[in-house]
All heavy atoms as atom14 arrays in JSON, in Angstrom:
{
  "sequence": "SYTGQNLPTYPYLRVANVQAGYFNLDDLAEIKLPKHIAEKYFVRVDD",
  "atom14_mask": [
    [1, 1, 1, 1, 1, 1, 0, 0, 0, 0, 0, 0, 0, 0],
    [1, 1, 1, 1, 1, 1, 1, 1, 1, 1, 1, 1, 0, 0],
    [1, 1, 1, 1, 1, 1, 1, 0, 0, 0, 0, 0, 0, 0],
    [1, 1, 1, 1, 0, 0, 0, 0, 0, 0, 0, 0, 0, 0],
    [1, 1, 1, 1, 1, 1, 1, 1, 1, 0, 0, 0, 0, 0],
    [1, 1, 1, 1, 1, 1, 1, 1, 0, 0, 0, 0, 0, 0],
    [1, 1, 1, 1, 1, 1, 1, 1, 0, 0, 0, 0, 0, 0],
    [1, 1, 1, 1, 1, 1, 1, 0, 0, 0, 0, 0, 0, 0],
    [1, 1, 1, 1, 1, 1, 1, 0, 0, 0, 0, 0, 0, 0],
    [1, 1, 1, 1, 1, 1, 1, 1, 1, 1, 1, 1, 0, 0],
    [1, 1, 1, 1, 1, 1, 1, 0, 0, 0, 0, 0, 0, 0],
    [1, 1, 1, 1, 1, 1, 1, 1, 1, 1, 1, 1, 0, 0],
    [1, 1, 1, 1, 1, 1, 1, 1, 0, 0, 0, 0, 0, 0],
    [1, 1, 1, 1, 1, 1, 1, 1, 1, 1, 1, 0, 0, 0],
    [1, 1, 1, 1, 1, 1, 1, 0, 0, 0, 0, 0, 0, 0],
    [1, 1, 1, 1, 1, 0, 0, 0, 0, 0, 0, 0, 0, 0],
    [1, 1, 1, 1, 1, 1, 1, 1, 0, 0, 0, 0, 0, 0],
    [1, 1, 1, 1, 1, 1, 1, 0, 0, 0, 0, 0, 0, 0],
    [1, 1, 1, 1, 1, 1, 1, 1, 1, 0, 0, 0, 0, 0],
    [1, 1, 1, 1, 1, 0, 0, 0, 0, 0, 0, 0, 0, 0],
    [1, 1, 1, 1, 0, 0, 0, 0, 0, 0, 0, 0, 0, 0],
    [1, 1, 1, 1, 1, 1, 1, 1, 1, 1, 1, 1, 0, 0],
    [1, 1, 1, 1, 1, 1, 1, 1, 1, 1, 1, 0, 0, 0],
    [1, 1, 1, 1, 1, 1, 1, 1, 0, 0, 0, 0, 0, 0],
    [1, 1, 1, 1, 1, 1, 1, 1, 0, 0, 0, 0, 0, 0],
    [1, 1, 1, 1, 1, 1, 1, 1, 0, 0, 0, 0, 0, 0],
    [1, 1, 1, 1, 1, 1, 1, 1, 0, 0, 0, 0, 0, 0],
    [1, 1, 1, 1, 1, 1, 1, 1, 0, 0, 0, 0, 0, 0],
    [1, 1, 1, 1, 1, 0, 0, 0, 0, 0, 0, 0, 0, 0],
    [1, 1, 1, 1, 1, 1, 1, 1, 1, 0, 0, 0, 0, 0],
    [1, 1, 1, 1, 1, 1, 1, 1, 0, 0, 0, 0, 0, 0],
    [1, 1, 1, 1, 1, 1, 1, 1, 1, 0, 0, 0, 0, 0],
    [1, 1, 1, 1, 1, 1, 1, 1, 0, 0, 0, 0, 0, 0],
    [1, 1, 1, 1, 1, 1, 1, 0, 0, 0, 0, 0, 0, 0],
    [1, 1, 1, 1, 1, 1, 1, 1, 1, 0, 0, 0, 0, 0],
    [1, 1, 1, 1, 1, 1, 1, 1, 1, 1, 0, 0, 0, 0],
    [1, 1, 1, 1, 1, 1, 1, 1, 0, 0, 0, 0, 0, 0],
    [1, 1, 1, 1, 1, 0, 0, 0, 0, 0, 0, 0, 0, 0],
    [1, 1, 1, 1, 1, 1, 1, 1, 1, 0, 0, 0, 0, 0],
    [1, 1, 1, 1, 1, 1, 1, 1, 1, 0, 0, 0, 0, 0],
    [1, 1, 1, 1, 1, 1, 1, 1, 1, 1, 1, 1, 0, 0],
    [1, 1, 1, 1, 1, 1, 1, 1, 1, 1, 1, 0, 0, 0],
    [1, 1, 1, 1, 1, 1, 1, 0, 0, 0, 0, 0, 0, 0],
    [1, 1, 1, 1, 1, 1, 1, 1, 1, 1, 1, 0, 0, 0],
    [1, 1, 1, 1, 1, 1, 1, 0, 0, 0, 0, 0, 0, 0],
    [1, 1, 1, 1, 1, 1, 1, 1, 0, 0, 0, 0, 0, 0],
    [1, 1, 1, 1, 1, 1, 1, 1, 0, 0, 0, 0, 0, 0]
  ],
  "atom14_positions": [
    [[104.21, -27.91, -82.07], [103.82, -28.33, -83.44], [102.62, -29.23, -83.36], [102.5, -30.08, -82.46], [105.05, -28.98, -84.0], [105.42, -30.15, -83.25], [0.0, 0.0, 0.0], [0.0, 0.0, 0.0], [0.0, 0.0, 0.0], [0.0, 0.0, 0.0], [0.0, 0.0, 0.0], [0.0, 0.0, 0.0], [0.0, 0.0, 0.0], [0.0, 0.0, 0.0]],
    [[101.78, -29.23, -84.42], [100.6, -29.96, -84.49], [100.61, -30.85, -85.78], [100.88, -30.35, -86.71], [99.36, -29.21, -84.44], [99.29, -28.38, -82.98], [99.7, -27.15, -83.03], [98.61, -28.98, -81.93], [99.57, -26.48, -81.76], [98.45, -28.36, -80.73], [99.01, -27.15, -80.68], [98.82, -26.41, -79.41], [0.0, 0.0, 0.0], [0.0, 0.0, 0.0]],
    [[100.18, -32.06, -85.75], [100.36, -32.97, -86.93], [99.01, -32.79, -87.64], [98.05, -32.29, -87.09], [100.5, -34.32, -86.38], [99.33, -34.84, -85.62], [101.75, -34.59, -85.79], [0.0, 0.0, 0.0], [0.0, 0.0, 0.0], [0.0, 0.0, 0.0], [0.0, 0.0, 0.0], [0.0, 0.0, 0.0], [0.0, 0.0, 0.0], [0.0, 0.0, 0.0]],
    [[99.09, -33.05, -88.84], [97.79, -32.86, -89.73], [98.04, -31.9, -90.84], [98.88, -31.09, -90.64], [0.0, 0.0, 0.0], [0.0, 0.0, 0.0], [0.0, 0.0, 0.0], [0.0, 0.0, 0.0], [0.0, 0.0, 0.0], [0.0, 0.0, 0.0], [0.0, 0.0, 0.0], [0.0, 0.0, 0.0], [0.0, 0.0, 0.0], [0.0, 0.0, 0.0]],
    [[97.4, -32.1, -91.89], [97.52, -31.11, -93.03], [96.26, -30.22, -93.09], [95.28, -30.47, -92.48], [97.51, -31.99, -94.27], [98.79, -32.88, -94.43], [98.87, -33.64, -95.67], [97.88, -33.71, -96.38], [99.93, -34.25, -95.94], [0.0, 0.0, 0.0], [0.0, 0.0, 0.0], [0.0, 0.0, 0.0], [0.0, 0.0, 0.0], [0.0, 0.0, 0.0]],
    [[96.53, -29.15, -93.72], [95.55, -28.11, -93.91], [94.9, -27.59, -92.6], [93.67, -27.4, -92.49], [94.4, -28.7, -94.79], [94.88, -29.34, -96.17], [95.63, -28.47, -96.86], [94.21, -30.25, -96.73], [0.0, 0.0, 0.0], [0.0, 0.0, 0.0], [0.0, 0.0, 0.0], [0.0, 0.0, 0.0], [0.0, 0.0, 0.0], [0.0, 0.0, 0.0]],
    [[95.86, -27.27, -91.69], [95.43, -26.74, -90.48], [95.02, -25.28, -90.76], [95.68, -24.59, -91.45], [96.53, -26.77, -89.43], [97.0, -28.09, -88.88], [98.19, -27.9, -87.95], [95.82, -28.68, -88.07], [0.0, 0.0, 0.0], [0.0, 0.0, 0.0], [0.0, 0.0, 0.0], [0.0, 0.0, 0.0], [0.0, 0.0, 0.0], [0.0, 0.0, 0.0]],
    [[93.91, -24.88, -90.12], [93.36, -23.37, -90.37], [94.45, -22.41, -89.71], [95.14, -22.78, -88.74], [92.05, -23.33, -89.66], [92.16, -24.54, -88.66], [92.94, -25.5, -89.2], [0.0, 0.0, 0.0], [0.0, 0.0, 0.0], [0.0, 0.0, 0.0], [0.0, 0.0, 0.0], [0.0, 0.0, 0.0], [0.0, 0.0, 0.0], [0.0, 0.0, 0.0]],
    [[94.5, -21.31, -90.29], [95.43, -20.26, -89.88], [94.57, -19.15, -89.16], [93.48, -18.75, -89.58], [96.08, -19.61, -91.04], [96.86, -20.54, -91.7], [97.11, -18.37, -90.59], [0.0, 0.0, 0.0], [0.0, 0.0, 0.0], [0.0, 0.0, 0.0], [0.0, 0.0, 0.0], [0.0, 0.0, 0.0], [0.0, 0.0, 0.0], [0.0, 0.0, 0.0]],
    [[95.11, -18.74, -88.01], [94.41, -17.73, -87.15], [95.27, -16.6, -86.78], [96.58, -16.75, -86.63], [93.97, -18.39, -85.86], [92.99, -19.58, -85.98], [93.4, -20.8, -85.93], [91.6, -19.32, -86.07], [92.64, -21.87, -86.13], [90.73, -20.41, -86.16], [91.21, -21.66, -86.24], [90.33, -22.73, -86.32], [0.0, 0.0, 0.0], [0.0, 0.0, 0.0]],
    [[94.79, -15.27, -86.87], [95.52, -14.11, -86.24], [95.59, -14.19, -84.78], [94.72, -14.77, -84.13], [94.68, -12.91, -86.79], [93.32, -13.5, -86.92], [93.44, -14.89, -87.33], [0.0, 0.0, 0.0], [0.0, 0.0, 0.0], [0.0, 0.0, 0.0], [0.0, 0.0, 0.0], [0.0, 0.0, 0.0], [0.0, 0.0, 0.0], [0.0, 0.0, 0.0]],
    [[96.61, -13.76, -84.2], [96.74, -13.71, -82.81], [97.39, -12.33, -82.37], [98.21, -11.81, -83.05], [97.51, -14.79, -82.21], [98.97, -14.93, -82.52], [99.96, -14.33, -81.7], [99.51, -15.62, -83.62], [101.24, -14.4, -81.91], [100.87, -15.61, -83.85], [101.65, -15.11, -82.98], [103.08, -15.13, -83.22], [0.0, 0.0, 0.0], [0.0, 0.0, 0.0]],
    [[96.96, -11.91, -81.14], [97.39, -10.62, -80.54], [98.7, -10.89, -79.71], [98.81, -11.8, -78.92], [96.36, -10.08, -79.6], [95.02, -9.66, -80.37], [94.02, -9.3, -79.31], [95.27, -8.6, -81.41], [0.0, 0.0, 0.0], [0.0, 0.0, 0.0], [0.0, 0.0, 0.0], [0.0, 0.0, 0.0], [0.0, 0.0, 0.0], [0.0, 0.0, 0.0]],
    [[99.82, -10.11, -80.01], [101.05, -10.14, -79.41], [100.98, -8.81, -78.37], [100.11, -8.02, -78.44], [102.18, -10.18, -80.2], [102.29, -11.24, -81.13], [103.32, -10.93, -82.25], [102.86, -9.97, -83.1], [103.65, -9.07, -83.72], [104.94, -9.12, -83.36], [103.11, -7.98, -84.52], [0.0, 0.0, 0.0], [0.0, 0.0, 0.0], [0.0, 0.0, 0.0]],
    [[101.99, -8.73, -77.51], [102.21, -7.62, -76.7], [102.16, -6.39, -77.48], [101.48, -5.33, -77.22], [103.43, -7.7, -75.78], [103.67, -6.3, -75.1], [103.22, -8.91, -74.75], [0.0, 0.0, 0.0], [0.0, 0.0, 0.0], [0.0, 0.0, 0.0], [0.0, 0.0, 0.0], [0.0, 0.0, 0.0], [0.0, 0.0, 0.0], [0.0, 0.0, 0.0]],
    [[102.84, -6.38, -78.61], [103.06, -5.17, -79.58], [101.61, -4.68, -79.99], [101.52, -3.48, -80.25], [103.97, -5.51, -80.61], [0.0, 0.0, 0.0], [0.0, 0.0, 0.0], [0.0, 0.0, 0.0], [0.0, 0.0, 0.0], [0.0, 0.0, 0.0], [0.0, 0.0, 0.0], [0.0, 0.0, 0.0], [0.0, 0.0, 0.0], [0.0, 0.0, 0.0]],
    [[100.78, -5.66, -80.16], [99.28, -5.2, -80.6], [98.56, -4.62, -79.71], [97.49, -3.91, -79.96], [98.73, -6.46, -81.2], [99.45, -7.2, -82.28], [99.76, -8.44, -82.17], [99.76, -6.42, -83.4], [0.0, 0.0, 0.0], [0.0, 0.0, 0.0], [0.0, 0.0, 0.0], [0.0, 0.0, 0.0], [0.0, 0.0, 0.0], [0.0, 0.0, 0.0]],
    [[98.88, -4.89, -78.32], [97.92, -4.32, -77.12], [98.66, -3.12, -76.5], [99.54, -3.32, -75.79], [97.75, -5.47, -76.2], [96.81, -5.05, -75.12], [97.16, -6.69, -76.77], [0.0, 0.0, 0.0], [0.0, 0.0, 0.0], [0.0, 0.0, 0.0], [0.0, 0.0, 0.0], [0.0, 0.0, 0.0], [0.0, 0.0, 0.0], [0.0, 0.0, 0.0]],
    [[98.15, -1.99, -76.95], [98.68, -0.81, -76.39], [97.84, -0.18, -75.24], [96.76, -0.93, -74.8], [98.74, 0.27, -77.54], [99.72, -0.28, -78.62], [101.12, -0.23, -78.16], [101.74, 0.52, -77.48], [101.81, -1.35, -78.58], [0.0, 0.0, 0.0], [0.0, 0.0, 0.0], [0.0, 0.0, 0.0], [0.0, 0.0, 0.0], [0.0, 0.0, 0.0]],
    [[98.23, 0.87, -74.75], [97.53, 1.45, -73.56], [96.32, 2.22, -73.98], [96.48, 3.37, -74.48], [98.4, 2.42, -72.8], [0.0, 0.0, 0.0], [0.0, 0.0, 0.0], [0.0, 0.0, 0.0], [0.0, 0.0, 0.0], [0.0, 0.0, 0.0], [0.0, 0.0, 0.0], [0.0, 0.0, 0.0], [0.0, 0.0, 0.0], [0.0, 0.0, 0.0]],
    [[95.08, 1.67, -73.97], [93.96, 2.16, -74.39], [93.45, 1.97, -75.87], [92.43, 2.53, -76.37], [0.0, 0.0, 0.0], [0.0, 0.0, 0.0], [0.0, 0.0, 0.0], [0.0, 0.0, 0.0], [0.0, 0.0, 0.0], [0.0, 0.0, 0.0], [0.0, 0.0, 0.0], [0.0, 0.0, 0.0], [0.0, 0.0, 0.0], [0.0, 0.0, 0.0]],
    [[94.18, 1.27, -76.65], [93.88, 1.01, -78.04], [94.74, -0.28, -78.5], [95.64, -0.71, -77.9], [94.22, 2.18, -78.99], [95.7, 2.49, -79.12], [96.32, 2.07, -80.18], [96.42, 3.17, -78.25], [97.68, 2.4, -80.47], [97.8, 3.5, -78.34], [98.39, 3.01, -79.51], [99.81, 3.28, -79.67], [0.0, 0.0, 0.0], [0.0, 0.0, 0.0]],
    [[94.31, -0.83, -79.77], [94.97, -1.82, -80.3], [95.66, -1.37, -81.59], [95.13, -0.49, -82.35], [94.08, -3.02, -80.77], [93.22, -3.7, -79.69], [92.05, -3.41, -79.32], [93.97, -4.66, -78.85], [91.45, -4.01, -78.27], [93.38, -5.35, -77.85], [92.14, -5.08, -77.53], [0.0, 0.0, 0.0], [0.0, 0.0, 0.0], [0.0, 0.0, 0.0]],
    [[96.96, -1.87, -81.8], [97.62, -1.57, -83.0], [97.55, -2.9, -83.78], [98.42, -3.94, -83.66], [99.05, -1.2, -82.75], [100.03, -0.83, -83.98], [99.48, -1.13, -84.99], [101.04, -0.42, -83.75], [0.0, 0.0, 0.0], [0.0, 0.0, 0.0], [0.0, 0.0, 0.0], [0.0, 0.0, 0.0], [0.0, 0.0, 0.0], [0.0, 0.0, 0.0]],
    [[96.83, -2.91, -84.89], [96.66, -4.18, -85.59], [97.16, -4.04, -86.93], [96.88, -4.85, -87.87], [95.02, -4.48, -85.75], [94.33, -4.46, -84.44], [92.81, -4.63, -84.65], [94.74, -5.6, -83.55], [0.0, 0.0, 0.0], [0.0, 0.0, 0.0], [0.0, 0.0, 0.0], [0.0, 0.0, 0.0], [0.0, 0.0, 0.0], [0.0, 0.0, 0.0]],
    [[98.13, -3.25, -87.11], [98.82, -2.97, -88.54], [99.71, -4.21, -88.83], [99.85, -4.59, -89.94], [99.74, -1.78, -88.45], [98.89, -0.42, -88.41], [97.67, -0.62, -88.68], [99.45, 0.45, -87.93], [0.0, 0.0, 0.0], [0.0, 0.0, 0.0], [0.0, 0.0, 0.0], [0.0, 0.0, 0.0], [0.0, 0.0, 0.0], [0.0, 0.0, 0.0]],
    [[100.19, -4.9, -87.74], [101.09, -6.1, -88.04], [100.66, -7.22, -87.15], [101.26, -7.45, -86.09], [102.51, -5.58, -87.61], [103.57, -6.74, -87.94], [103.29, -7.66, -88.75], [104.67, -6.68, -87.38], [0.0, 0.0, 0.0], [0.0, 0.0, 0.0], [0.0, 0.0, 0.0], [0.0, 0.0, 0.0], [0.0, 0.0, 0.0], [0.0, 0.0, 0.0]],
    [[99.74, -8.04, -87.68], [99.18, -9.1, -86.88], [99.93, -10.33, -87.39], [100.08, -10.72, -88.49], [97.85, -9.39, -87.14], [96.83, -8.52, -86.24], [95.35, -8.9, -86.64], [97.02, -8.87, -84.73], [0.0, 0.0, 0.0], [0.0, 0.0, 0.0], [0.0, 0.0, 0.0], [0.0, 0.0, 0.0], [0.0, 0.0, 0.0], [0.0, 0.0, 0.0]],
    [[100.45, -11.19, -86.4], [101.09, -12.44, -86.73], [99.86, -13.51, -86.87], [98.89, -13.33, -86.35], [102.09, -12.87, -85.53], [0.0, 0.0, 0.0], [0.0, 0.0, 0.0], [0.0, 0.0, 0.0], [0.0, 0.0, 0.0], [0.0, 0.0, 0.0], [0.0, 0.0, 0.0], [0.0, 0.0, 0.0], [0.0, 0.0, 0.0], [0.0, 0.0, 0.0]],
    [[100.33, -14.64, -87.37], [99.35, -15.78, -87.62], [99.89, -17.11, -87.08], [101.15, -17.22, -87.12], [98.88, -15.74, -89.08], [98.21, -14.63, -89.58], [97.77, -14.78, -91.03], [98.39, -15.49, -91.65], [96.71, -14.16, -91.39], [0.0, 0.0, 0.0], [0.0, 0.0, 0.0], [0.0, 0.0, 0.0], [0.0, 0.0, 0.0], [0.0, 0.0, 0.0]],
    [[99.11, -18.03, -86.79], [99.5, -19.22, -86.31], [98.6, -20.34, -86.77], [97.34, -20.14, -86.97], [99.56, -19.35, -84.67], [100.15, -20.71, -84.29], [98.13, -19.07, -84.19], [100.4, -20.7, -82.79], [0.0, 0.0, 0.0], [0.0, 0.0, 0.0], [0.0, 0.0, 0.0], [0.0, 0.0, 0.0], [0.0, 0.0, 0.0], [0.0, 0.0, 0.0]],
    [[99.04, -21.5, -87.08], [98.27, -22.69, -87.63], [98.0, -23.57, -86.53], [98.85, -24.04, -85.75], [98.93, -23.36, -88.65], [99.1, -22.61, -90.04], [99.46, -23.46, -91.16], [99.51, -22.74, -92.47], [99.92, -23.55, -93.63], [0.0, 0.0, 0.0], [0.0, 0.0, 0.0], [0.0, 0.0, 0.0], [0.0, 0.0, 0.0], [0.0, 0.0, 0.0]],
    [[96.69, -23.86, -86.18], [96.4, -24.65, -85.11], [95.02, -25.46, -85.46], [94.28, -25.09, -86.3], [95.8, -23.83, -83.86], [96.94, -23.09, -83.07], [96.19, -22.17, -81.97], [97.89, -23.89, -82.41], [0.0, 0.0, 0.0], [0.0, 0.0, 0.0], [0.0, 0.0, 0.0], [0.0, 0.0, 0.0], [0.0, 0.0, 0.0], [0.0, 0.0, 0.0]],
    [[94.91, -26.6, -84.83], [93.51, -27.4, -84.95], [92.51, -26.46, -84.47], [92.72, -25.71, -83.31], [93.87, -28.6, -84.2], [95.32, -28.82, -83.96], [95.81, -27.48, -83.98], [0.0, 0.0, 0.0], [0.0, 0.0, 0.0], [0.0, 0.0, 0.0], [0.0, 0.0, 0.0], [0.0, 0.0, 0.0], [0.0, 0.0, 0.0], [0.0, 0.0, 0.0]],
    [[91.26, -26.54, -85.02], [90.22, -25.66, -84.46], [89.96, -25.81, -83.05], [89.67, -24.92, -82.33], [89.0, -25.91, -85.46], [87.8, -25.08, -85.05], [86.63, -25.31, -85.88], [85.5, -24.46, -85.63], [84.29, -24.65, -86.42], [0.0, 0.0, 0.0], [0.0, 0.0, 0.0], [0.0, 0.0, 0.0], [0.0, 0.0, 0.0], [0.0, 0.0, 0.0]],
    [[89.82, -27.13, -82.48], [89.49, -27.44, -81.11], [90.46, -26.7, -80.16], [90.21, -26.46, -78.97], [89.22, -28.91, -80.91], [90.63, -29.62, -80.88], [91.25, -30.04, -82.04], [91.26, -30.06, -79.84], [92.34, -30.76, -81.71], [92.42, -30.75, -80.31], [0.0, 0.0, 0.0], [0.0, 0.0, 0.0], [0.0, 0.0, 0.0], [0.0, 0.0, 0.0]],
    [[91.73, -26.57, -80.67], [92.81, -25.88, -79.85], [92.6, -24.45, -79.86], [92.55, -23.76, -78.77], [94.2, -26.31, -80.27], [94.45, -27.91, -80.23], [95.23, -25.5, -79.52], [94.47, -28.36, -78.71], [0.0, 0.0, 0.0], [0.0, 0.0, 0.0], [0.0, 0.0, 0.0], [0.0, 0.0, 0.0], [0.0, 0.0, 0.0], [0.0, 0.0, 0.0]],
    [[92.39, -23.89, -81.06], [92.15, -22.51, -81.29], [91.05, -21.94, -80.42], [91.14, -20.82, -79.95], [92.11, -22.15, -82.73], [0.0, 0.0, 0.0], [0.0, 0.0, 0.0], [0.0, 0.0, 0.0], [0.0, 0.0, 0.0], [0.0, 0.0, 0.0], [0.0, 0.0, 0.0], [0.0, 0.0, 0.0], [0.0, 0.0, 0.0], [0.0, 0.0, 0.0]],
    [[89.99, -22.71, -80.38], [88.73, -22.22, -79.75], [88.96, -21.86, -78.21], [88.25, -21.03, -77.56], [87.73, -23.18, -79.76], [87.05, -23.32, -81.25], [86.13, -24.47, -81.41], [86.07, -25.37, -80.58], [85.38, -24.38, -82.33], [0.0, 0.0, 0.0], [0.0, 0.0, 0.0], [0.0, 0.0, 0.0], [0.0, 0.0, 0.0], [0.0, 0.0, 0.0]],
    [[89.99, -22.52, -77.58], [90.37, -22.16, -76.28], [90.98, -20.9, -75.99], [90.96, -20.28, -74.86], [91.4, -23.32, -75.7], [90.96, -24.66, -75.79], [92.07, -25.66, -75.2], [91.6, -27.01, -75.36], [92.78, -27.93, -74.92], [0.0, 0.0, 0.0], [0.0, 0.0, 0.0], [0.0, 0.0, 0.0], [0.0, 0.0, 0.0], [0.0, 0.0, 0.0]],
    [[91.41, -20.26, -77.06], [92.15, -18.95, -76.92], [91.49, -17.74, -77.82], [92.17, -16.66, -77.98], [93.58, -19.09, -77.46], [94.32, -20.32, -76.82], [94.6, -21.31, -77.41], [94.71, -20.14, -75.45], [95.33, -22.51, -76.81], [95.32, -21.29, -74.8], [95.56, -22.38, -75.51], [96.2, -23.48, -74.83], [0.0, 0.0, 0.0], [0.0, 0.0, 0.0]],
    [[90.25, -17.99, -78.3], [89.65, -16.98, -79.03], [89.39, -15.78, -78.07], [88.99, -15.95, -76.88], [88.21, -17.33, -79.43], [88.32, -18.24, -80.79], [87.37, -19.22, -80.97], [89.29, -17.93, -81.67], [87.5, -19.99, -82.13], [89.28, -18.65, -82.92], [88.41, -19.65, -83.12], [0.0, 0.0, 0.0], [0.0, 0.0, 0.0], [0.0, 0.0, 0.0]],
    [[89.49, -14.56, -78.51], [89.23, -13.3, -77.82], [87.72, -13.02, -78.15], [87.26, -13.04, -79.26], [90.14, -12.12, -78.36], [89.78, -10.86, -77.52], [91.62, -12.54, -78.16], [0.0, 0.0, 0.0], [0.0, 0.0, 0.0], [0.0, 0.0, 0.0], [0.0, 0.0, 0.0], [0.0, 0.0, 0.0], [0.0, 0.0, 0.0], [0.0, 0.0, 0.0]],
    [[87.03, -12.74, -77.14], [85.5, -12.36, -77.24], [85.34, -10.89, -77.06], [86.13, -10.21, -76.4], [84.76, -13.2, -76.24], [84.93, -14.65, -76.28], [83.99, -15.26, -75.18], [84.3, -16.76, -75.11], [83.79, -17.55, -74.15], [82.93, -16.95, -73.24], [84.03, -18.8, -74.09], [0.0, 0.0, 0.0], [0.0, 0.0, 0.0], [0.0, 0.0, 0.0]],
    [[84.24, -10.5, -77.73], [83.77, -9.14, -77.56], [83.64, -8.72, -75.96], [83.14, -9.5, -75.24], [82.52, -8.83, -78.24], [81.91, -7.38, -78.05], [82.7, -8.98, -79.76], [0.0, 0.0, 0.0], [0.0, 0.0, 0.0], [0.0, 0.0, 0.0], [0.0, 0.0, 0.0], [0.0, 0.0, 0.0], [0.0, 0.0, 0.0], [0.0, 0.0, 0.0]],
    [[84.17, -7.47, -75.72], [84.24, -7.04, -74.33], [85.33, -7.64, -73.32], [85.28, -7.37, -72.19], [82.85, -7.11, -73.7], [81.93, -6.08, -74.26], [82.44, -5.05, -74.79], [80.67, -6.2, -74.09], [0.0, 0.0, 0.0], [0.0, 0.0, 0.0], [0.0, 0.0, 0.0], [0.0, 0.0, 0.0], [0.0, 0.0, 0.0], [0.0, 0.0, 0.0]],
    [[86.16, -8.56, -73.94], [87.25, -9.04, -73.1], [88.17, -7.78, -72.93], [88.48, -6.99, -73.82], [88.11, -10.12, -73.86], [87.37, -11.52, -73.67], [86.31, -11.68, -73.01], [87.81, -12.54, -74.41], [0.0, 0.0, 0.0], [0.0, 0.0, 0.0], [0.0, 0.0, 0.0], [0.0, 0.0, 0.0], [0.0, 0.0, 0.0], [0.0, 0.0, 0.0]]
  ]
}
């Protein structure tokens, strides 16, 4: 849990979203985090 109001919401990938050879993005979960925390876990192109 993180203190503070109006924390930004970010989509995140779970095991169910990462399939063999493709992504299933139909059901994406979301999480509220401070931006400086979220930046540590961003997925980048070609990861």
